[in-house]
PDB file of N, CA and C in Angstrom:
ATOM      1  N   MET A   1     146.469 105.093  64.589  1.00  0.00           N
ATOM      2  CA  MET A   1     145.486 105.051  65.719  1.00  0.00           C
ATOM      3  C   MET A   1     146.096 105.822  66.896  1.00  0.00           C
ATOM      4  N   GLU A   2     147.334 105.647  67.214  1.00  0.00           N
ATOM      5  CA  GLU A   2     147.818 106.368  68.331  1.00  0.00           C
ATOM      6  C   GLU A   2     147.835 107.788  68.111  1.00  0.00           C
ATOM      7  N   GLU A   3     148.230 108.311  66.846  1.00  0.00           N
ATOM      8  CA  GLU A   3     148.227 109.660  66.663  1.00  0.00           C
ATOM      9  C   GLU A   3     146.816 110.304  66.915  1.00  0.00           C
ATOM     10  N   LYS A   4     145.765 109.479  66.477  1.00  0.00           N
ATOM     11  CA  LYS A   4     144.506 110.062  66.498  1.00  0.00           C
ATOM     12  C   LYS A   4     144.066 110.136  68.147  1.00  0.00           C
ATOM     13  N   LEU A   5     144.597 109.220  68.900  1.00  0.00           N
ATOM     14  CA  LEU A   5     144.302 109.266  70.193  1.00  0.00           C
ATOM     15  C   LEU A   5     145.094 110.380  71.015  1.00  0.00           C
ATOM     16  N   ALA A   6     146.288 110.634  70.573  1.00  0.00           N
ATOM     17  CA  ALA A   6     147.074 111.651  71.086  1.00  0.00           C
ATOM     18  C   ALA A   6     146.403 112.990  70.696  1.00  0.00           C
ATOM     19  N   GLU A   7     145.908 113.248  69.526  1.00  0.00           N
ATOM     20  CA  GLU A   7     145.273 114.454  69.173  1.00  0.00           C
ATOM     21  C   GLU A   7     144.035 114.603  69.872  1.00  0.00           C
ATOM     22  N   PHE A   8     143.239 113.618  70.155  1.00  0.00           N
ATOM     23  CA  PHE A   8     142.071 113.620  71.019  1.00  0.00           C
ATOM     24  C   PHE A   8     142.274 114.077  72.399  1.00  0.00           C
ATOM     25  N   ILE A   9     143.420 113.560  72.972  1.00  0.00           N
ATOM     26  CA  ILE A   9     143.708 113.816  74.328  1.00  0.00           C
ATOM     27  C   ILE A   9     144.167 115.343  74.342  1.00  0.00           C
ATOM     28  N   LEU A  10     144.928 115.742  73.353  1.00  0.00           N
ATOM     29  CA  LEU A  10     145.474 117.176  73.370  1.00  0.00           C
ATOM     30  C   LEU A  10     144.266 118.115  73.204  1.00  0.00           C
ATOM     31  N   THR A  11     143.248 117.792  72.467  1.00  0.00           N
ATOM     32  CA  THR A  11     141.980 118.639  72.279  1.00  0.00           C
ATOM     33  C   THR A  11     141.216 118.748  73.566  1.00  0.00           C
ATOM     34  N   LEU A  12     141.207 117.798  74.365  1.00  0.00           N
ATOM     35  CA  LEU A  12     140.474 117.964  75.633  1.00  0.00           C
ATOM     36  C   LEU A  12     140.849 118.976  76.629  1.00  0.00           C
ATOM     37  N   ASN A  13     140.061 119.638  77.031  1.00  0.00           N
ATOM     38  CA  ASN A  13     140.411 120.659  78.085  1.00  0.00           C
ATOM     39  C   ASN A  13     140.079 120.203  79.569  1.00  0.00           C
ATOM     40  N   LYS A  14     140.100 120.888  80.538  1.00  0.00           N
ATOM     41  CA  LYS A  14     139.830 120.452  81.871  1.00  0.00           C
ATOM     42  C   LYS A  14     138.323 120.258  82.048  1.00  0.00           C
ATOM     43  N   ASP A  15     137.488 121.009  81.513  1.00  0.00           N
ATOM     44  CA  ASP A  15     136.052 120.712  81.714  1.00  0.00           C
ATOM     45  C   ASP A  15     135.569 119.498  81.107  1.00  0.00           C
ATOM     46  N   THR A  16     136.094 119.016  79.947  1.00  0.00           N
ATOM     47  CA  THR A  16     135.547 117.782  79.305  1.00  0.00           C
ATOM     48  C   THR A  16     136.275 116.586  80.122  1.00  0.00           C
ATOM     49  N   LEU A  17     137.505 116.802  80.548  1.00  0.00           N
ATOM     50  CA  LEU A  17     137.965 115.841  81.414  1.00  0.00           C
ATOM     51  C   LEU A  17     137.179 115.415  82.645  1.00  0.00           C
ATOM     52  N   LEU A  18     136.650 116.529  83.252  1.00  0.00           N
ATOM     53  CA  LEU A  18     135.892 116.388  84.548  1.00  0.00           C
ATOM     54  C   LEU A  18     134.606 115.553  84.197  1.00  0.00           C
ATOM     55  N   ILE A  19     134.200 115.652  82.967  1.00  0.00           N
ATOM     56  CA  ILE A  19     132.891 114.892  82.606  1.00  0.00           C
ATOM     57  C   ILE A  19     133.318 113.440  82.325  1.00  0.00           C
ATOM     58  N   TYR A  20     134.363 113.263  81.632  1.00  0.00           N
ATOM     59  CA  TYR A  20     134.690 111.886  81.148  1.00  0.00           C
ATOM     60  C   TYR A  20     135.318 111.048  82.295  1.00  0.00           C
ATOM     61  N   ILE A  21     136.101 111.443  83.166  1.00  0.00           N
ATOM     62  CA  ILE A  21     136.751 110.671  84.083  1.00  0.00           C
ATOM     63  C   ILE A  21     135.736 109.943  85.065  1.00  0.00           C
ATOM     64  N   PRO A  22     134.596 110.591  85.578  1.00  0.00           N
ATOM     65  CA  PRO A  22     133.622 109.867  86.384  1.00  0.00           C
ATOM     66  C   PRO A  22     132.973 108.592  85.561  1.00  0.00           C
ATOM     67  N   ILE A  23     132.706 108.971  84.289  1.00  0.00           N
ATOM     68  CA  ILE A  23     131.961 107.966  83.437  1.00  0.00           C
ATOM     69  C   ILE A  23     132.958 106.898  83.259  1.00  0.00           C
ATOM     70  N   ILE A  24     134.235 107.180  82.949  1.00  0.00           N
ATOM     71  CA  ILE A  24     135.219 106.019  82.747  1.00  0.00           C
ATOM     72  C   ILE A  24     135.274 105.244  83.964  1.00  0.00           C
ATOM     73  N   LYS A  25     135.358 105.743  85.057  1.00  0.00           N
ATOM     74  CA  LYS A  25     135.521 105.108  86.444  1.00  0.00           C
ATOM     75  C   LYS A  25     134.327 104.234  86.652  1.00  0.00           C
ATOM     76  N   TRP A  26     133.099 104.821  86.271  1.00  0.00           N
ATOM     77  CA  TRP A  26     131.784 103.997  86.319  1.00  0.00           C
ATOM     78  C   TRP A  26     131.819 102.790  85.540  1.00  0.00           C
ATOM     79  N   VAL A  27     132.274 102.997  84.324  1.00  0.00           N
ATOM     80  CA  VAL A  27     132.262 101.880  83.343  1.00  0.00           C
ATOM     81  C   VAL A  27     133.117 100.753  83.777  1.00  0.00           C
ATOM     82  N   VAL A  28     134.468 101.203  84.233  1.00  0.00           N
ATOM     83  CA  VAL A  28     135.344 100.268  84.706  1.00  0.00           C
ATOM     84  C   VAL A  28     134.858  99.535  85.997  1.00  0.00           C
ATOM     85  N   GLY A  29     134.213 100.208  86.935  1.00  0.00           N
ATOM     86  CA  GLY A  29     133.653  99.567  88.031  1.00  0.00           C
ATOM     87  C   GLY A  29     132.700  98.545  87.744  1.00  0.00           C
ATOM     88  N   ILE A  30     131.796  98.940  86.747  1.00  0.00           N
ATOM     89  CA  ILE A  30     130.771  97.895  86.427  1.00  0.00           C
ATOM     90  C   ILE A  30     131.389  96.719  85.713  1.00  0.00           C
ATOM     91  N   ILE A  31     132.369  96.888  84.924  1.00  0.00           N
ATOM     92  CA  ILE A  31     132.922  95.630  84.136  1.00  0.00           C
ATOM     93  C   ILE A  31     133.687  94.808  85.169  1.00  0.00           C
ATOM     94  N   SER A  32     134.411  95.504  86.137  1.00  0.00           N
ATOM     95  CA  SER A  32     135.192  94.611  87.166  1.00  0.00           C
ATOM     96  C   SER A  32     134.312  93.847  88.105  1.00  0.00           C
ATOM     97  N   THR A  33     133.189  94.577  88.546  1.00  0.00           N
ATOM     98  CA  THR A  33     132.300  93.889  89.475  1.00  0.00           C
ATOM     99  C   THR A  33     131.487  92.798  88.762  1.00  0.00           C
ATOM    100  N   THR A  34     131.127  92.899  87.482  1.00  0.00           N
ATOM    101  CA  THR A  34     130.595  91.874  86.824  1.00  0.00           C
ATOM    102  C   THR A  34     131.458  90.822  86.587  1.00  0.00           C
ATOM    103  N   GLY A  35     132.679  90.983  86.240  1.00  0.00           N
ATOM    104  CA  GLY A  35     133.628  89.939  86.119  1.00  0.00           C
ATOM    105  C   GLY A  35     133.810  89.141  87.349  1.00  0.00           C
ATOM    106  N   ILE A  36     134.005  89.903  88.522  1.00  0.00           N
ATOM    107  CA  ILE A  36     134.110  89.262  89.729  1.00  0.00           C
ATOM    108  C   ILE A  36     132.891  88.290  90.135  1.00  0.00           C
ATOM    109  N   GLY A  37     131.783  88.873  89.726  1.00  0.00           N
ATOM    110  CA  GLY A  37     130.519  88.109  90.042  1.00  0.00           C
ATOM    111  C   GLY A  37     130.427  86.712  89.222  1.00  0.00           C
ATOM    112  N   ILE A  38     130.873  86.943  88.009  1.00  0.00           N
ATOM    113  CA  ILE A  38     130.923  85.759  87.059  1.00  0.00           C
ATOM    114  C   ILE A  38     131.883  84.784  87.655  1.00  0.00           C
ATOM    115  N   ILE A  39     132.967  85.204  88.040  1.00  0.00           N
ATOM    116  CA  ILE A  39     133.980  84.153  88.560  1.00  0.00           C
ATOM    117  C   ILE A  39     133.458  83.585  89.787  1.00  0.00           C
ATOM    118  N   ILE A  40     132.886  84.262  90.618  1.00  0.00           N
ATOM    119  CA  ILE A  40     132.200  83.757  92.003  1.00  0.00           C
ATOM    120  C   ILE A  40     131.113  82.710  91.695  1.00  0.00           C
ATOM    121  N   TYR A  41     130.288  83.040  90.686  1.00  0.00           N
ATOM    122  CA  TYR A  41     129.224  82.229  90.211  1.00  0.00           C
ATOM    123  C   TYR A  41     129.752  80.895  89.752  1.00  0.00           C
ATOM    124  N   TYR A  42     130.771  80.868  88.892  1.00  0.00           N
ATOM    125  CA  TYR A  42     131.375  79.572  88.335  1.00  0.00           C
ATOM    126  C   TYR A  42     132.030  78.836  89.413  1.00  0.00           C
ATOM    127  N   ILE A  43     132.801  79.529  90.306  1.00  0.00           N
ATOM    128  CA  ILE A  43     133.467  78.746  91.394  1.00  0.00           C
ATOM    129  C   ILE A  43     132.493  78.041  92.320  1.00  0.00           C
ATOM    130  N   HIS A  44     131.371  78.710  92.546  1.00  0.00           N
ATOM    131  CA  HIS A  44     130.267  78.183  93.338  1.00  0.00           C
ATOM    132  C   HIS A  44     129.552  76.964  92.662  1.00  0.00           C
ATOM    133  N   LYS A  45     129.402  77.144  91.275  1.00  0.00           N
ATOM    134  CA  LYS A  45     128.654  76.140  90.421  1.00  0.00           C
ATOM    135  C   LYS A  45     129.633  74.938  90.434  1.00  0.00           C
ATOM    136  N   TYR A  46     130.878  74.940  90.177  1.00  0.00           N
ATOM    137  CA  TYR A  46     131.770  73.921  90.097  1.00  0.00           C
ATOM    138  C   TYR A  46     132.075  73.250  91.526  1.00  0.00           C
ATOM    139  N   HIS A  47     132.036  74.046  92.613  1.00  0.00           N
ATOM    140  CA  HIS A  47     132.256  73.709  93.837  1.00  0.00           C
ATOM    141  C   HIS A  47     131.097  72.807  94.256  1.00  0.00           C
ATOM    142  N   LYS A  48     129.828  73.113  93.845  1.00  0.00           N
ATOM    143  CA  LYS A  48     128.667  72.250  94.030  1.00  0.00           C
ATOM    144  C   LYS A  48     128.847  70.939  93.325  1.00  0.00           C
ATOM    145  N   CYS A  49     129.454  70.910  92.179  1.00  0.00           N
ATOM    146  CA  CYS A  49     129.561  69.821  91.447  1.00  0.00           C
ATOM    147  C   CYS A  49     130.481  68.801  91.942  1.00  0.00           C
ATOM    148  N   LEU A  50     131.491  69.388  92.732  1.00  0.00           N
ATOM    149  CA  LEU A  50     132.509  68.541  93.436  1.00  0.00           C
ATOM    150  C   LEU A  50     132.185  68.200  94.812  1.00  0.00           C
ATOM    151  N   ASP A  51     131.124  68.651  95.277  1.00  0.00           N
ATOM    152  CA  ASP A  51     130.638  68.273  96.680  1.00  0.00           C
ATOM    153  C   ASP A  51     129.883  66.847  96.573  1.00  0.00           C
ATOM    154  N   LYS A  52     130.514  65.817  97.246  1.00  0.00           N
ATOM    155  CA  LYS A  52     130.086  64.549  97.142  1.00  0.00           C
ATOM    156  C   LYS A  52     128.569  64.235  97.620  1.00  0.00           C
ATOM    157  N   ASP A  53     128.208  65.047  98.565  1.00  0.00           N
ATOM    158  CA  ASP A  53     126.962  64.859  99.196  1.00  0.00           C
ATOM    159  C   ASP A  53     125.702  65.505  98.501  1.00  0.00           C
ATOM    160  N   SER A  54     125.986  66.450  97.566  1.00  0.00           N
ATOM    161  CA  SER A  54     124.983  67.213  97.002  1.00  0.00           C
ATOM    162  C   SER A  54     124.236  66.236  95.952  1.00  0.00           C
ATOM    163  N   ASP A  55     123.011  66.578  95.705  1.00  0.00           N
ATOM    164  CA  ASP A  55     122.001  65.773  94.856  1.00  0.00           C
ATOM    165  C   ASP A  55     122.552  65.962  93.395  1.00  0.00           C
ATOM    166  N   PHE A  56     123.213  67.095  93.070  1.00  0.00           N
ATOM    167  CA  PHE A  56     123.634  67.348  91.743  1.00  0.00           C
ATOM    168  C   PHE A  56     124.747  66.379  91.336  1.00  0.00           C
ATOM    169  N   SER A  57     125.684  66.263  92.257  1.00  0.00           N
ATOM    170  CA  SER A  57     126.869  65.369  92.030  1.00  0.00           C
ATOM    171  C   SER A  57     126.400  63.955  92.073  1.00  0.00           C
ATOM    172  N   LYS A  58     125.306  63.577  92.713  1.00  0.00           N
ATOM    173  CA  LYS A  58     124.771  62.144  92.708  1.00  0.00           C
ATOM    174  C   LYS A  58     124.038  61.845  91.431  1.00  0.00           C
ATOM    175  N   GLU A  59     123.414  62.932  90.822  1.00  0.00           N
ATOM    176  CA  GLU A  59     122.865  62.646  89.474  1.00  0.00           C
ATOM    177  C   GLU A  59     123.903  62.535  88.464  1.00  0.00           C
ATOM    178  N   ILE A  60     124.982  63.236  88.474  1.00  0.00           N
ATOM    179  CA  ILE A  60     126.011  63.124  87.467  1.00  0.00           C
ATOM    180  C   ILE A  60     126.656  61.807  87.612  1.00  0.00           C
ATOM    181  N   ALA A  61     126.860  61.366  88.733  1.00  0.00           N
ATOM    182  CA  ALA A  61     127.503  60.056  89.099  1.00  0.00           C
ATOM    183  C   ALA A  61     126.548  58.994  88.488  1.00  0.00           C
ATOM    184  N   LEU A  62     125.236  59.017  88.713  1.00  0.00           N
ATOM    185  CA  LEU A  62     124.223  57.959  88.170  1.00  0.00           C
ATOM    186  C   LEU A  62     124.266  58.058  86.694  1.00  0.00           C
ATOM    187  N   GLU A  63     124.312  59.175  86.054  1.00  0.00           N
ATOM    188  CA  GLU A  63     124.383  59.357  84.649  1.00  0.00           C
ATOM    189  C   GLU A  63     125.707  58.669  84.015  1.00  0.00           C
ATOM    190  N   ALA A  64     126.742  58.893  84.630  1.00  0.00           N
ATOM    191  CA  ALA A  64     128.059  58.372  84.383  1.00  0.00           C
ATOM    192  C   ALA A  64     128.060  56.766  84.538  1.00  0.00           C
ATOM    193  N   ARG A  65     127.459  56.334  85.595  1.00  0.00           N
ATOM    194  CA  ARG A  65     127.326  54.825  85.704  1.00  0.00           C
ATOM    195  C   ARG A  65     126.515  54.196  84.542  1.00  0.00           C
ATOM    196  N   LYS A  66     125.429  54.837  84.273  1.00  0.00           N
ATOM    197  CA  LYS A  66     124.474  54.297  83.227  1.00  0.00           C
ATOM    198  C   LYS A  66     125.239  54.321  81.929  1.00  0.00           C
ATOM    199  N   LYS A  67     125.952  55.286  81.519  1.00  0.00           N
ATOM    200  CA  LYS A  67     126.609  55.460  80.264  1.00  0.00           C
ATOM    201  C   LYS A  67     127.723  54.333  80.279  1.00  0.00           C
ATOM    202  N   ILE A  68     128.538  54.187  81.424  1.00  0.00           N
ATOM    203  CA  ILE A  68     129.440  53.043  81.420  1.00  0.00           C
ATOM    204  C   ILE A  68     128.917  51.698  81.219  1.00  0.00           C
ATOM    205  N   LEU A  69     127.688  51.440  81.981  1.00  0.00           N
ATOM    206  CA  LEU A  69     127.062  50.084  81.813  1.00  0.00           C
ATOM    207  C   LEU A  69     126.665  49.845  80.412  1.00  0.00           C
ATOM    208  N   ASN A  70     126.008  50.973  79.729  1.00  0.00           N
ATOM    209  CA  ASN A  70     125.719  50.830  78.410  1.00  0.00           C
ATOM    210  C   ASN A  70     126.756  50.442  77.462  1.00  0.00           C
ATOM    211  N   ARG A  71     127.992  50.994  77.637  1.00  0.00           N
ATOM    212  CA  ARG A  71     129.136  50.716  76.828  1.00  0.00           C
ATOM    213  C   ARG A  71     129.553  49.253  76.976  1.00  0.00           C
ATOM    214  N   GLU A  72     129.515  48.865  78.178  1.00  0.00           N
ATOM    215  CA  GLU A  72     129.917  47.595  78.517  1.00  0.00           C
ATOM    216  C   GLU A  72     129.015  46.484  77.889  1.00  0.00           C
ATOM    217  N   GLU A  73     127.680  46.738  77.796  1.00  0.00           N
ATOM    218  CA  GLU A  73     126.798  45.897  77.279  1.00  0.00           C
ATOM    219  C   GLU A  73     126.878  45.628  75.824  1.00  0.00           C
ATOM    220  N   THR A  74     127.200  46.730  75.220  1.00  0.00           N
ATOM    221  CA  THR A  74     127.339  46.707  73.641  1.00  0.00           C
ATOM    222  C   THR A  74     128.626  46.290  73.147  1.00  0.00           C
TER     223      THR A  74
END
């Protein structure tokens, strides 16, 4: 695998490198910004869950209380 990669790099000339480098930068940029966006989304989502005053956390607390009460009754 490494030998094939080395042969491919040696066969490239400056013209093809000028084409590939911007494409590689563009792909890496999209992947990194998408990853950062996903991380920010999940931090925001779980931060909202941990906020005690939000409706979402109140719903989770009510569901948990119902499940606990159902377990105690049976």
